[in-house]
Amino acid sequence: MQSLFRATDSGDTEMLIEHLHPELVVNMMGVEGVEKPFDRSDYFAFLEESIEYRSGRGEHTEHVPTHVKIEKAVIAVHGFLKITFPDTPDEYHPYTDLLKLRDGKIVEYNIAYDI
């Protein structure tokens, strides 16, 4: 799981392809500006835009999972999204991810921030 989050935080699409099924559907609740589910290419574009925006402001994000539960083809992850800002204290925002697997890759990725 940690390699998935590191690839997400850095926008490493090559590494993400190893984790994400070609038929991926991503649902994001509580993420500003996200109005509909993403497919894999939409998700990659969203990550690229987000990373570019944050880096332009001198910010960096890091997923810090605190609890992981795996049962058959479902993984539940709870943790904090750490946002590092220049010259100000870091912020931690809670998140919960529910991932469903098919063929050993994530086919459904449900993300909920700040609930």
PDB file of N, CA and C in Angstrom:
ATOM      1  N   MET A   1       0.831  -1.196   0.000  1.00  0.00           N
ATOM      2  CA  MET A   1       0.000   0.000   0.000  1.00  0.00           C
ATOM      3  C   MET A   1       0.875   1.259   0.000  1.00  0.00           C
ATOM      4  N   GLN A   2       1.974   1.200   0.723  1.00  0.00           N
ATOM      5  CA  GLN A   2       2.796   2.403   0.819  1.00  0.00           C
ATOM      6  C   GLN A   2       3.354   2.808  -0.546  1.00  0.00           C
ATOM      7  N   SER A   3       3.691   1.827  -1.405  1.00  0.00           N
ATOM      8  CA  SER A   3       4.202   2.191  -2.732  1.00  0.00           C
ATOM      9  C   SER A   3       3.113   2.863  -3.569  1.00  0.00           C
ATOM     10  N   LEU A   4       1.847   2.453  -3.386  1.00  0.00           N
ATOM     11  CA  LEU A   4       0.730   3.111  -4.070  1.00  0.00           C
ATOM     12  C   LEU A   4       0.651   4.570  -3.642  1.00  0.00           C
ATOM     13  N   PHE A   5       0.719   4.815  -2.326  1.00  0.00           N
ATOM     14  CA  PHE A   5       0.603   6.188  -1.841  1.00  0.00           C
ATOM     15  C   PHE A   5       1.808   7.033  -2.232  1.00  0.00           C
ATOM     16  N   ARG A   6       3.008   6.453  -2.215  1.00  0.00           N
ATOM     17  CA  ARG A   6       4.189   7.217  -2.649  1.00  0.00           C
ATOM     18  C   ARG A   6       4.062   7.598  -4.125  1.00  0.00           C
ATOM     19  N   ALA A   7       3.577   6.652  -4.946  1.00  0.00           N
ATOM     20  CA  ALA A   7       3.391   6.941  -6.372  1.00  0.00           C
ATOM     21  C   ALA A   7       2.307   7.999  -6.569  1.00  0.00           C
ATOM     22  N   THR A   8       1.255   7.949  -5.758  1.00  0.00           N
ATOM     23  CA  THR A   8       0.186   8.948  -5.829  1.00  0.00           C
ATOM     24  C   THR A   8       0.728  10.327  -5.458  1.00  0.00           C
ATOM     25  N   ASP A   9       1.484  10.399  -4.368  1.00  0.00           N
ATOM     26  CA  ASP A   9       2.019  11.681  -3.897  1.00  0.00           C
ATOM     27  C   ASP A   9       2.996  12.303  -4.891  1.00  0.00           C
ATOM     28  N   SER A  10       3.752  11.461  -5.597  1.00  0.00           N
ATOM     29  CA  SER A  10       4.746  11.973  -6.545  1.00  0.00           C
ATOM     30  C   SER A  10       4.208  12.081  -7.971  1.00  0.00           C
ATOM     31  N   GLY A  11       3.028  11.471  -8.231  1.00  0.00           N
ATOM     32  CA  GLY A  11       2.471  11.480  -9.580  1.00  0.00           C
ATOM     33  C   GLY A  11       3.183  10.517 -10.518  1.00  0.00           C
ATOM     34  N   ASP A  12       3.791   9.473  -9.970  1.00  0.00           N
ATOM     35  CA  ASP A  12       4.533   8.479 -10.747  1.00  0.00           C
ATOM     36  C   ASP A  12       3.551   7.537 -11.443  1.00  0.00           C
ATOM     37  N   THR A  13       3.128   7.915 -12.662  1.00  0.00           N
ATOM     38  CA  THR A  13       2.111   7.131 -13.360  1.00  0.00           C
ATOM     39  C   THR A  13       2.610   5.739 -13.743  1.00  0.00           C
ATOM     40  N   GLU A  14       3.890   5.587 -14.018  1.00  0.00           N
ATOM     41  CA  GLU A  14       4.416   4.253 -14.338  1.00  0.00           C
ATOM     42  C   GLU A  14       4.230   3.301 -13.163  1.00  0.00           C
ATOM     43  N   MET A  15       4.515   3.770 -11.967  1.00  0.00           N
ATOM     44  CA  MET A  15       4.328   2.941 -10.778  1.00  0.00           C
ATOM     45  C   MET A  15       2.837   2.730 -10.508  1.00  0.00           C
ATOM     46  N   LEU A  16       2.038   3.770 -10.727  1.00  0.00           N
ATOM     47  CA  LEU A  16       0.597   3.631 -10.506  1.00  0.00           C
ATOM     48  C   LEU A  16      -0.028   2.607 -11.449  1.00  0.00           C
ATOM     49  N   ILE A  17       0.464   2.534 -12.668  1.00  0.00           N
ATOM     50  CA  ILE A  17      -0.058   1.555 -13.625  1.00  0.00           C
ATOM     51  C   ILE A  17       0.108   0.139 -13.086  1.00  0.00           C
ATOM     52  N   GLU A  18       1.163  -0.098 -12.312  1.00  0.00           N
ATOM     53  CA  GLU A  18       1.377  -1.419 -11.710  1.00  0.00           C
ATOM     54  C   GLU A  18       0.286  -1.751 -10.689  1.00  0.00           C
ATOM     55  N   HIS A  19      -0.319  -0.732 -10.079  1.00  0.00           N
ATOM     56  CA  HIS A  19      -1.325  -0.920  -9.034  1.00  0.00           C
ATOM     57  C   HIS A  19      -2.763  -0.788  -9.534  1.00  0.00           C
ATOM     58  N   LEU A  20      -2.980   0.020 -10.576  1.00  0.00           N
ATOM     59  CA  LEU A  20      -4.332   0.392 -10.984  1.00  0.00           C
ATOM     60  C   LEU A  20      -4.783  -0.365 -12.231  1.00  0.00           C
ATOM     61  N   HIS A  21      -5.923  -0.987 -12.143  1.00  0.00           N
ATOM     62  CA  HIS A  21      -6.520  -1.753 -13.234  1.00  0.00           C
ATOM     63  C   HIS A  21      -6.867  -0.814 -14.391  1.00  0.00           C
ATOM     64  N   PRO A  22      -6.762  -1.270 -15.649  1.00  0.00           N
ATOM     65  CA  PRO A  22      -7.120  -0.412 -16.790  1.00  0.00           C
ATOM     66  C   PRO A  22      -8.568   0.087 -16.748  1.00  0.00           C
ATOM     67  N   GLU A  23      -9.469  -0.665 -16.108  1.00  0.00           N
ATOM     68  CA  GLU A  23     -10.880  -0.261 -16.019  1.00  0.00           C
ATOM     69  C   GLU A  23     -11.191   0.475 -14.710  1.00  0.00           C
ATOM     70  N   LEU A  24     -10.190   1.080 -14.134  1.00  0.00           N
ATOM     71  CA  LEU A  24     -10.323   1.781 -12.852  1.00  0.00           C
ATOM     72  C   LEU A  24     -11.442   2.810 -12.870  1.00  0.00           C
ATOM     73  N   VAL A  25     -12.180   2.867 -11.756  1.00  0.00           N
ATOM     74  CA  VAL A  25     -13.144   3.933 -11.485  1.00  0.00           C
ATOM     75  C   VAL A  25     -12.752   4.539 -10.141  1.00  0.00           C
ATOM     76  N   VAL A  26     -12.578   5.859 -10.113  1.00  0.00           N
ATOM     77  CA  VAL A  26     -12.198   6.564  -8.883  1.00  0.00           C
ATOM     78  C   VAL A  26     -13.341   7.491  -8.491  1.00  0.00           C
ATOM     79  N   ASN A  27     -13.830   7.326  -7.271  1.00  0.00           N
ATOM     80  CA  ASN A  27     -14.860   8.203  -6.703  1.00  0.00           C
ATOM     81  C   ASN A  27     -14.214   9.004  -5.585  1.00  0.00           C
ATOM     82  N   MET A  28     -14.359  10.326  -5.623  1.00  0.00           N
ATOM     83  CA  MET A  28     -13.773  11.192  -4.598  1.00  0.00           C
ATOM     84  C   MET A  28     -14.864  12.003  -3.922  1.00  0.00           C
ATOM     85  N   MET A  29     -15.034  11.762  -2.639  1.00  0.00           N
ATOM     86  CA  MET A  29     -15.992  12.537  -1.850  1.00  0.00           C
ATOM     87  C   MET A  29     -15.214  13.532  -1.005  1.00  0.00           C
ATOM     88  N   GLY A  30     -15.661  14.765  -0.990  1.00  0.00           N
ATOM     89  CA  GLY A  30     -15.017  15.777  -0.166  1.00  0.00           C
ATOM     90  C   GLY A  30     -13.816  16.429  -0.819  1.00  0.00           C
ATOM     91  N   VAL A  31     -13.615  16.189  -2.120  1.00  0.00           N
ATOM     92  CA  VAL A  31     -12.508  16.814  -2.834  1.00  0.00           C
ATOM     93  C   VAL A  31     -13.082  17.940  -3.695  1.00  0.00           C
ATOM     94  N   GLU A  32     -12.661  19.151  -3.390  1.00  0.00           N
ATOM     95  CA  GLU A  32     -13.200  20.327  -4.067  1.00  0.00           C
ATOM     96  C   GLU A  32     -12.971  20.253  -5.575  1.00  0.00           C
ATOM     97  N   GLY A  33     -14.015  20.531  -6.350  1.00  0.00           N
ATOM     98  CA  GLY A  33     -13.920  20.568  -7.796  1.00  0.00           C
ATOM     99  C   GLY A  33     -14.130  19.243  -8.495  1.00  0.00           C
ATOM    100  N   VAL A  34     -14.280  18.164  -7.735  1.00  0.00           N
ATOM    101  CA  VAL A  34     -14.496  16.856  -8.348  1.00  0.00           C
ATOM    102  C   VAL A  34     -15.993  16.576  -8.351  1.00  0.00           C
ATOM    103  N   GLU A  35     -16.555  16.542  -9.542  1.00  0.00           N
ATOM    104  CA  GLU A  35     -18.002  16.419  -9.685  1.00  0.00           C
ATOM    105  C   GLU A  35     -18.468  15.042 -10.134  1.00  0.00           C
ATOM    106  N   LYS A  36     -17.561  14.235 -10.689  1.00  0.00           N
ATOM    107  CA  LYS A  36     -17.948  12.940 -11.247  1.00  0.00           C
ATOM    108  C   LYS A  36     -16.827  11.940 -11.038  1.00  0.00           C
ATOM    109  N   PRO A  37     -17.129  10.661 -11.185  1.00  0.00           N
ATOM    110  CA  PRO A  37     -16.075   9.647 -11.077  1.00  0.00           C
ATOM    111  C   PRO A  37     -15.042   9.807 -12.202  1.00  0.00           C
ATOM    112  N   PHE A  38     -13.823   9.373 -11.915  1.00  0.00           N
ATOM    113  CA  PHE A  38     -12.736   9.409 -12.887  1.00  0.00           C
ATOM    114  C   PHE A  38     -12.438   8.010 -13.385  1.00  0.00           C
ATOM    115  N   ASP A  39     -11.997   7.928 -14.644  1.00  0.00           N
ATOM    116  CA  ASP A  39     -11.372   6.692 -15.093  1.00  0.00           C
ATOM    117  C   ASP A  39      -9.865   6.847 -14.841  1.00  0.00           C
ATOM    118  N   ARG A  40      -9.075   5.862 -15.254  1.00  0.00           N
ATOM    119  CA  ARG A  40      -7.647   5.906 -14.933  1.00  0.00           C
ATOM    120  C   ARG A  40      -6.956   7.117 -15.544  1.00  0.00           C
ATOM    121  N   SER A  41      -7.243   7.440 -16.802  1.00  0.00           N
ATOM    122  CA  SER A  41      -6.574   8.590 -17.418  1.00  0.00           C
ATOM    123  C   SER A  41      -7.026   9.907 -16.787  1.00  0.00           C
ATOM    124  N   ASP A  42      -8.307  10.015 -16.427  1.00  0.00           N
ATOM    125  CA  ASP A  42      -8.796  11.210 -15.710  1.00  0.00           C
ATOM    126  C   ASP A  42      -8.074  11.362 -14.369  1.00  0.00           C
ATOM    127  N   TYR A  43      -7.903  10.242 -13.681  1.00  0.00           N
ATOM    128  CA  TYR A  43      -7.240  10.262 -12.377  1.00  0.00           C
ATOM    129  C   TYR A  43      -5.789  10.720 -12.516  1.00  0.00           C
ATOM    130  N   PHE A  44      -5.087  10.212 -13.529  1.00  0.00           N
ATOM    131  CA  PHE A  44      -3.703  10.637 -13.755  1.00  0.00           C
ATOM    132  C   PHE A  44      -3.647  12.136 -14.052  1.00  0.00           C
ATOM    133  N   ALA A  45      -4.568  12.630 -14.853  1.00  0.00           N
ATOM    134  CA  ALA A  45      -4.605  14.065 -15.168  1.00  0.00           C
ATOM    135  C   ALA A  45      -4.888  14.885 -13.914  1.00  0.00           C
ATOM    136  N   PHE A  46      -5.812  14.405 -13.062  1.00  0.00           N
ATOM    137  CA  PHE A  46      -6.118  15.089 -11.810  1.00  0.00           C
ATOM    138  C   PHE A  46      -4.874  15.158 -10.917  1.00  0.00           C
ATOM    139  N   LEU A  47      -4.158  14.036 -10.784  1.00  0.00           N
ATOM    140  CA  LEU A  47      -2.946  14.024  -9.960  1.00  0.00           C
ATOM    141  C   LEU A  47      -1.904  14.997 -10.502  1.00  0.00           C
ATOM    142  N   GLU A  48      -1.696  14.979 -11.807  1.00  0.00           N
ATOM    143  CA  GLU A  48      -0.709  15.866 -12.415  1.00  0.00           C
ATOM    144  C   GLU A  48      -1.055  17.334 -12.146  1.00  0.00           C
ATOM    145  N   GLU A  49      -2.318  17.676 -12.338  1.00  0.00           N
ATOM    146  CA  GLU A  49      -2.758  19.058 -12.110  1.00  0.00           C
ATOM    147  C   GLU A  49      -2.609  19.445 -10.637  1.00  0.00           C
ATOM    148  N   SER A  50      -2.983  18.550  -9.743  1.00  0.00           N
ATOM    149  CA  SER A  50      -2.888  18.832  -8.310  1.00  0.00           C
ATOM    150  C   SER A  50      -1.439  19.024  -7.869  1.00  0.00           C
ATOM    151  N   ILE A  51      -0.559  18.140  -8.340  1.00  0.00           N
ATOM    152  CA  ILE A  51       0.855  18.226  -7.961  1.00  0.00           C
ATOM    153  C   ILE A  51       1.471  19.499  -8.518  1.00  0.00           C
ATOM    154  N   GLU A  52       1.141  19.822  -9.758  1.00  0.00           N
ATOM    155  CA  GLU A  52       1.658  21.049 -10.373  1.00  0.00           C
ATOM    156  C   GLU A  52       1.194  22.285  -9.599  1.00  0.00           C
ATOM    157  N   TYR A  53      -0.080  22.322  -9.236  1.00  0.00           N
ATOM    158  CA  TYR A  53      -0.634  23.446  -8.483  1.00  0.00           C
ATOM    159  C   TYR A  53       0.068  23.582  -7.130  1.00  0.00           C
ATOM    160  N   ARG A  54       0.177  22.463  -6.405  1.00  0.00           N
ATOM    161  CA  ARG A  54       0.800  22.521  -5.079  1.00  0.00           C
ATOM    162  C   ARG A  54       2.283  22.879  -5.161  1.00  0.00           C
ATOM    163  N   SER A  55       2.998  22.297  -6.105  1.00  0.00           N
ATOM    164  CA  SER A  55       4.431  22.589  -6.187  1.00  0.00           C
ATOM    165  C   SER A  55       4.671  24.050  -6.558  1.00  0.00           C
ATOM    166  N   GLY A  56       3.786  24.620  -7.359  1.00  0.00           N
ATOM    167  CA  GLY A  56       3.896  26.039  -7.692  1.00  0.00           C
ATOM    168  C   GLY A  56       3.746  26.937  -6.477  1.00  0.00           C
ATOM    169  N   ARG A  57       3.090  26.432  -5.455  1.00  0.00           N
ATOM    170  CA  ARG A  57       2.907  27.172  -4.202  1.00  0.00           C
ATOM    171  C   ARG A  57       3.919  26.761  -3.144  1.00  0.00           C
ATOM    172  N   GLY A  58       4.820  25.832  -3.508  1.00  0.00           N
ATOM    173  CA  GLY A  58       5.818  25.350  -2.554  1.00  0.00           C
ATOM    174  C   GLY A  58       5.265  24.330  -1.574  1.00  0.00           C
ATOM    175  N   GLU A  59       4.135  23.717  -1.917  1.00  0.00           N
ATOM    176  CA  GLU A  59       3.484  22.741  -1.038  1.00  0.00           C
ATOM    177  C   GLU A  59       3.823  21.318  -1.476  1.00  0.00           C
ATOM    178  N   HIS A  60       3.641  20.400  -0.549  1.00  0.00           N
ATOM    179  CA  HIS A  60       3.847  18.973  -0.836  1.00  0.00           C
ATOM    180  C   HIS A  60       2.835  18.178  -0.023  1.00  0.00           C
ATOM    181  N   THR A  61       2.314  17.103  -0.612  1.00  0.00           N
ATOM    182  CA  THR A  61       1.391  16.239   0.120  1.00  0.00           C
ATOM    183  C   THR A  61       2.011  14.868   0.318  1.00  0.00           C
ATOM    184  N   GLU A  62       1.595  14.240   1.411  1.00  0.00           N
ATOM    185  CA  GLU A  62       2.065  12.893   1.728  1.00  0.00           C
ATOM    186  C   GLU A  62       0.942  12.141   2.439  1.00  0.00           C
ATOM    187  N   HIS A  63       0.600  10.969   1.921  1.00  0.00           N
ATOM    188  CA  HIS A  63      -0.387  10.117   2.576  1.00  0.00           C
ATOM    189  C   HIS A  63       0.287   9.403   3.748  1.00  0.00           C
ATOM    190  N   VAL A  64      -0.347   9.478   4.906  1.00  0.00           N
ATOM    191  CA  VAL A  64       0.160   8.807   6.102  1.00  0.00           C
ATOM    192  C   VAL A  64      -0.928   7.839   6.573  1.00  0.00           C
ATOM    193  N   PRO A  65      -0.901   6.593   6.077  1.00  0.00           N
ATOM    194  CA  PRO A  65      -1.914   5.626   6.513  1.00  0.00           C
ATOM    195  C   PRO A  65      -1.686   5.227   7.962  1.00  0.00           C
ATOM    196  N   THR A  66      -2.761   5.122   8.713  1.00  0.00           N
ATOM    197  CA  THR A  66      -2.648   4.715  10.119  1.00  0.00           C
ATOM    198  C   THR A  66      -3.301   3.367  10.383  1.00  0.00           C
ATOM    199  N   HIS A  67      -4.290   2.994   9.579  1.00  0.00           N
ATOM    200  CA  HIS A  67      -4.979   1.706   9.729  1.00  0.00           C
ATOM    201  C   HIS A  67      -5.247   1.121   8.344  1.00  0.00           C
ATOM    202  N   VAL A  68      -4.912  -0.151   8.178  1.00  0.00           N
ATOM    203  CA  VAL A  68      -5.169  -0.856   6.926  1.00  0.00           C
ATOM    204  C   VAL A  68      -5.842  -2.179   7.254  1.00  0.00           C
ATOM    205  N   LYS A  69      -6.953  -2.463   6.592  1.00  0.00           N
ATOM    206  CA  LYS A  69      -7.673  -3.721   6.775  1.00  0.00           C
ATOM    207  C   LYS A  69      -7.869  -4.334   5.399  1.00  0.00           C
ATOM    208  N   ILE A  70      -7.461  -5.599   5.267  1.00  0.00           N
ATOM    209  CA  ILE A  70      -7.580  -6.311   3.999  1.00  0.00           C
ATOM    210  C   ILE A  70      -8.456  -7.528   4.218  1.00  0.00           C
ATOM    211  N   GLU A  71      -9.484  -7.632   3.388  1.00  0.00           N
ATOM    212  CA  GLU A  71     -10.368  -8.791   3.452  1.00  0.00           C
ATOM    213  C   GLU A  71     -10.752  -9.188   2.036  1.00  0.00           C
ATOM    214  N   LYS A  72     -10.219 -10.326   1.612  1.00  0.00           N
ATOM    215  CA  LYS A  72     -10.437 -10.844   0.255  1.00  0.00           C
ATOM    216  C   LYS A  72     -10.033  -9.803  -0.777  1.00  0.00           C
ATOM    217  N   ALA A  73     -10.954  -9.300  -1.561  1.00  0.00           N
ATOM    218  CA  ALA A  73     -10.631  -8.366  -2.637  1.00  0.00           C
ATOM    219  C   ALA A  73     -10.958  -6.919  -2.277  1.00  0.00           C
ATOM    220  N   VAL A  74     -11.014  -6.621  -0.972  1.00  0.00           N
ATOM    221  CA  VAL A  74     -11.323  -5.265  -0.515  1.00  0.00           C
ATOM    222  C   VAL A  74     -10.258  -4.818   0.488  1.00  0.00           C
ATOM    223  N   ILE A  75      -9.805  -3.585   0.314  1.00  0.00           N
ATOM    224  CA  ILE A  75      -8.828  -2.994   1.235  1.00  0.00           C
ATOM    225  C   ILE A  75      -9.413  -1.686   1.746  1.00  0.00           C
ATOM    226  N   ALA A  76      -9.412  -1.509   3.057  1.00  0.00           N
ATOM    227  CA  ALA A  76      -9.843  -0.252   3.670  1.00  0.00           C
ATOM    228  C   ALA A  76      -8.616   0.394   4.316  1.00  0.00           C
ATOM    229  N   VAL A  77      -8.432   1.678   4.045  1.00  0.00           N
ATOM    230  CA  VAL A  77      -7.287   2.412   4.584  1.00  0.00           C
ATOM    231  C   VAL A  77      -7.803   3.700   5.213  1.00  0.00           C
ATOM    232  N   HIS A  78      -7.354   3.953   6.430  1.00  0.00           N
ATOM    233  CA  HIS A  78      -7.663   5.226   7.085  1.00  0.00           C
ATOM    234  C   HIS A  78      -6.331   5.866   7.440  1.00  0.00           C
ATOM    235  N   GLY A  79      -6.272   7.182   7.309  1.00  0.00           N
ATOM    236  CA  GLY A  79      -5.039   7.872   7.646  1.00  0.00           C
ATOM    237  C   GLY A  79      -5.218   9.372   7.529  1.00  0.00           C
ATOM    238  N   PHE A  80      -4.089  10.036   7.335  1.00  0.00           N
ATOM    239  CA  PHE A  80      -4.074  11.487   7.233  1.00  0.00           C
ATOM    240  C   PHE A  80      -3.293  11.911   6.002  1.00  0.00           C
ATOM    241  N   LEU A  81      -3.818  12.919   5.312  1.00  0.00           N
ATOM    242  CA  LEU A  81      -3.088  13.548   4.229  1.00  0.00           C
ATOM    243  C   LEU A  81      -2.317  14.705   4.856  1.00  0.00           C
ATOM    244  N   LYS A  82      -1.005  14.572   4.844  1.00  0.00           N
ATOM    245  CA  LYS A  82      -0.138  15.608   5.404  1.00  0.00           C
ATOM    246  C   LYS A  82       0.183  16.604   4.295  1.00  0.00           C
ATOM    247  N   ILE A  83      -0.112  17.868   4.547  1.00  0.00           N
ATOM    248  CA  ILE A  83       0.191  18.922   3.585  1.00  0.00           C
ATOM    249  C   ILE A  83       1.246  19.824   4.209  1.00  0.00           C
ATOM    250  N   THR A  84       2.393  19.881   3.546  1.00  0.00           N
ATOM    251  CA  THR A  84       3.514  20.687   4.016  1.00  0.00           C
ATOM    252  C   THR A  84       3.539  21.995   3.234  1.00  0.00           C
ATOM    253  N   PHE A  85       3.529  23.086   3.958  1.00  0.00           N
ATOM    254  CA  PHE A  85       3.549  24.425   3.372  1.00  0.00           C
ATOM    255  C   PHE A  85       4.866  25.105   3.716  1.00  0.00           C
ATOM    256  N   PRO A  86       5.341  26.009   2.867  1.00  0.00           N
ATOM    257  CA  PRO A  86       6.529  26.775   3.239  1.00  0.00           C
ATOM    258  C   PRO A  86       6.192  27.769   4.358  1.00  0.00           C
ATOM    259  N   ASP A  87       7.032  27.811   5.358  1.00  0.00           N
ATOM    260  CA  ASP A  87       6.962  28.815   6.431  1.00  0.00           C
ATOM    261  C   ASP A  87       5.694  28.772   7.279  1.00  0.00           C
ATOM    262  N   THR A  88       4.951  27.671   7.243  1.00  0.00           N
ATOM    263  CA  THR A  88       3.779  27.529   8.108  1.00  0.00           C
ATOM    264  C   THR A  88       3.710  26.086   8.602  1.00  0.00           C
ATOM    265  N   PRO A  89       2.981  25.851   9.674  1.00  0.00           N
ATOM    266  CA  PRO A  89       2.871  24.483  10.191  1.00  0.00           C
ATOM    267  C   PRO A  89       2.195  23.549   9.190  1.00  0.00           C
ATOM    268  N   ASP A  90       2.581  22.290   9.250  1.00  0.00           N
ATOM    269  CA  ASP A  90       1.940  21.272   8.408  1.00  0.00           C
ATOM    270  C   ASP A  90       0.486  21.114   8.823  1.00  0.00           C
ATOM    271  N   GLU A  91      -0.335  20.701   7.851  1.00  0.00           N
ATOM    272  CA  GLU A  91      -1.735  20.392   8.121  1.00  0.00           C
ATOM    273  C   GLU A  91      -1.941  18.894   7.904  1.00  0.00           C
ATOM    274  N   TYR A  92      -2.847  18.317   8.679  1.00  0.00           N
ATOM    275  CA  TYR A  92      -3.199  16.908   8.543  1.00  0.00           C
ATOM    276  C   TYR A  92      -4.710  16.811   8.351  1.00  0.00           C
ATOM    277  N   HIS A  93      -5.116  16.204   7.244  1.00  0.00           N
ATOM    278  CA  HIS A  93      -6.529  16.044   6.934  1.00  0.00           C
ATOM    279  C   HIS A  93      -6.852  14.553   6.886  1.00  0.00           C
ATOM    280  N   PRO A  94      -7.881  14.111   7.609  1.00  0.00           N
ATOM    281  CA  PRO A  94      -8.205  12.682   7.606  1.00  0.00           C
ATOM    282  C   PRO A  94      -8.758  12.229   6.259  1.00  0.00           C
ATOM    283  N   TYR A  95      -8.430  10.986   5.920  1.00  0.00           N
ATOM    284  CA  TYR A  95      -9.005  10.379   4.725  1.00  0.00           C
ATOM    285  C   TYR A  95      -9.323   8.921   5.015  1.00  0.00           C
ATOM    286  N   THR A  96     -10.261   8.395   4.252  1.00  0.00           N
ATOM    287  CA  THR A  96     -10.592   6.979   4.281  1.00  0.00           C
ATOM    288  C   THR A  96     -10.688   6.522   2.831  1.00  0.00           C
ATOM    289  N   ASP A  97      -9.947   5.474   2.500  1.00  0.00           N
ATOM    290  CA  ASP A  97      -9.982   4.907   1.160  1.00  0.00           C
ATOM    291  C   ASP A  97     -10.557   3.501   1.233  1.00  0.00           C
ATOM    292  N   LEU A  98     -11.407   3.174   0.296  1.00  0.00           N
ATOM    293  CA  LEU A  98     -11.933   1.820   0.148  1.00  0.00           C
ATOM    294  C   LEU A  98     -11.596   1.383  -1.272  1.00  0.00           C
ATOM    295  N   LEU A  99     -10.779   0.343  -1.371  1.00  0.00           N
ATOM    296  CA  LEU A  99     -10.281  -0.106  -2.662  1.00  0.00           C
ATOM    297  C   LEU A  99     -10.783  -1.511  -2.944  1.00  0.00           C
ATOM    298  N   LYS A 100     -11.235  -1.731  -4.171  1.00  0.00           N
ATOM    299  CA  LYS A 100     -11.670  -3.065  -4.584  1.00  0.00           C
ATOM    300  C   LYS A 100     -10.711  -3.560  -5.659  1.00  0.00           C
ATOM    301  N   LEU A 101     -10.350  -4.827  -5.553  1.00  0.00           N
ATOM    302  CA  LEU A 101      -9.368  -5.412  -6.455  1.00  0.00           C
ATOM    303  C   LEU A 101     -10.018  -6.324  -7.489  1.00  0.00           C
ATOM    304  N   ARG A 102      -9.392  -6.376  -8.654  1.00  0.00           N
ATOM    305  CA  ARG A 102      -9.728  -7.355  -9.684  1.00  0.00           C
ATOM    306  C   ARG A 102      -8.410  -7.692 -10.383  1.00  0.00           C
ATOM    307  N   ASP A 103      -8.171  -8.965 -10.559  1.00  0.00           N
ATOM    308  CA  ASP A 103      -6.944  -9.419 -11.218  1.00  0.00           C
ATOM    309  C   ASP A 103      -5.696  -8.871 -10.526  1.00  0.00           C
ATOM    310  N   GLY A 104      -5.773  -8.704  -9.199  1.00  0.00           N
ATOM    311  CA  GLY A 104      -4.623  -8.239  -8.430  1.00  0.00           C
ATOM    312  C   GLY A 104      -4.347  -6.751  -8.521  1.00  0.00           C
ATOM    313  N   LYS A 105      -5.244  -5.990  -9.173  1.00  0.00           N
ATOM    314  CA  LYS A 105      -5.064  -4.538  -9.285  1.00  0.00           C
ATOM    315  C   LYS A 105      -6.318  -3.832  -8.782  1.00  0.00           C
ATOM    316  N   ILE A 106      -6.158  -2.571  -8.446  1.00  0.00           N
ATOM    317  CA  ILE A 106      -7.276  -1.771  -7.935  1.00  0.00           C
ATOM    318  C   ILE A 106      -8.179  -1.394  -9.100  1.00  0.00           C
ATOM    319  N   VAL A 107      -9.441  -1.847  -9.035  1.00  0.00           N
ATOM    320  CA  VAL A 107     -10.407  -1.553 -10.092  1.00  0.00           C
ATOM    321  C   VAL A 107     -11.403  -0.482  -9.650  1.00  0.00           C
ATOM    322  N   GLU A 108     -11.574  -0.331  -8.345  1.00  0.00           N
ATOM    323  CA  GLU A 108     -12.451   0.707  -7.806  1.00  0.00           C
ATOM    324  C   GLU A 108     -11.728   1.355  -6.633  1.00  0.00           C
ATOM    325  N   TYR A 109     -11.617   2.677  -6.682  1.00  0.00           N
ATOM    326  CA  TYR A 109     -10.877   3.426  -5.673  1.00  0.00           C
ATOM    327  C   TYR A 109     -11.818   4.514  -5.156  1.00  0.00           C
ATOM    328  N   ASN A 110     -12.294   4.329  -3.928  1.00  0.00           N
ATOM    329  CA  ASN A 110     -13.211   5.288  -3.315  1.00  0.00           C
ATOM    330  C   ASN A 110     -12.435   6.074  -2.261  1.00  0.00           C
ATOM    331  N   ILE A 111     -12.400   7.378  -2.424  1.00  0.00           N
ATOM    332  CA  ILE A 111     -11.620   8.274  -1.574  1.00  0.00           C
ATOM    333  C   ILE A 111     -12.568   9.239  -0.872  1.00  0.00           C
ATOM    334  N   ALA A 112     -12.438   9.350   0.447  1.00  0.00           N
ATOM    335  CA  ALA A 112     -13.244  10.310   1.192  1.00  0.00           C
ATOM    336  C   ALA A 112     -12.335  11.135   2.094  1.00  0.00           C
ATOM    337  N   TYR A 113     -12.332  12.441   1.896  1.00  0.00           N
ATOM    338  CA  TYR A 113     -11.540  13.359   2.718  1.00  0.00           C
ATOM    339  C   TYR A 113     -12.452  14.103   3.689  1.00  0.00           C
ATOM    340  N   ASP A 114     -11.923  14.349   4.859  1.00  0.00           N
ATOM    341  CA  ASP A 114     -12.570  15.213   5.853  1.00  0.00           C
ATOM    342  C   ASP A 114     -14.004  14.819   6.169  1.00  0.00           C
ATOM    343  N   ILE A 115     -14.229  13.545   6.448  1.00  0.00           N
ATOM    344  CA  ILE A 115     -15.578  13.158   6.869  1.00  0.00           C
ATOM    345  C   ILE A 115     -15.571  12.806   8.337  1.00  0.00           C
TER     346      ILE A 115
END
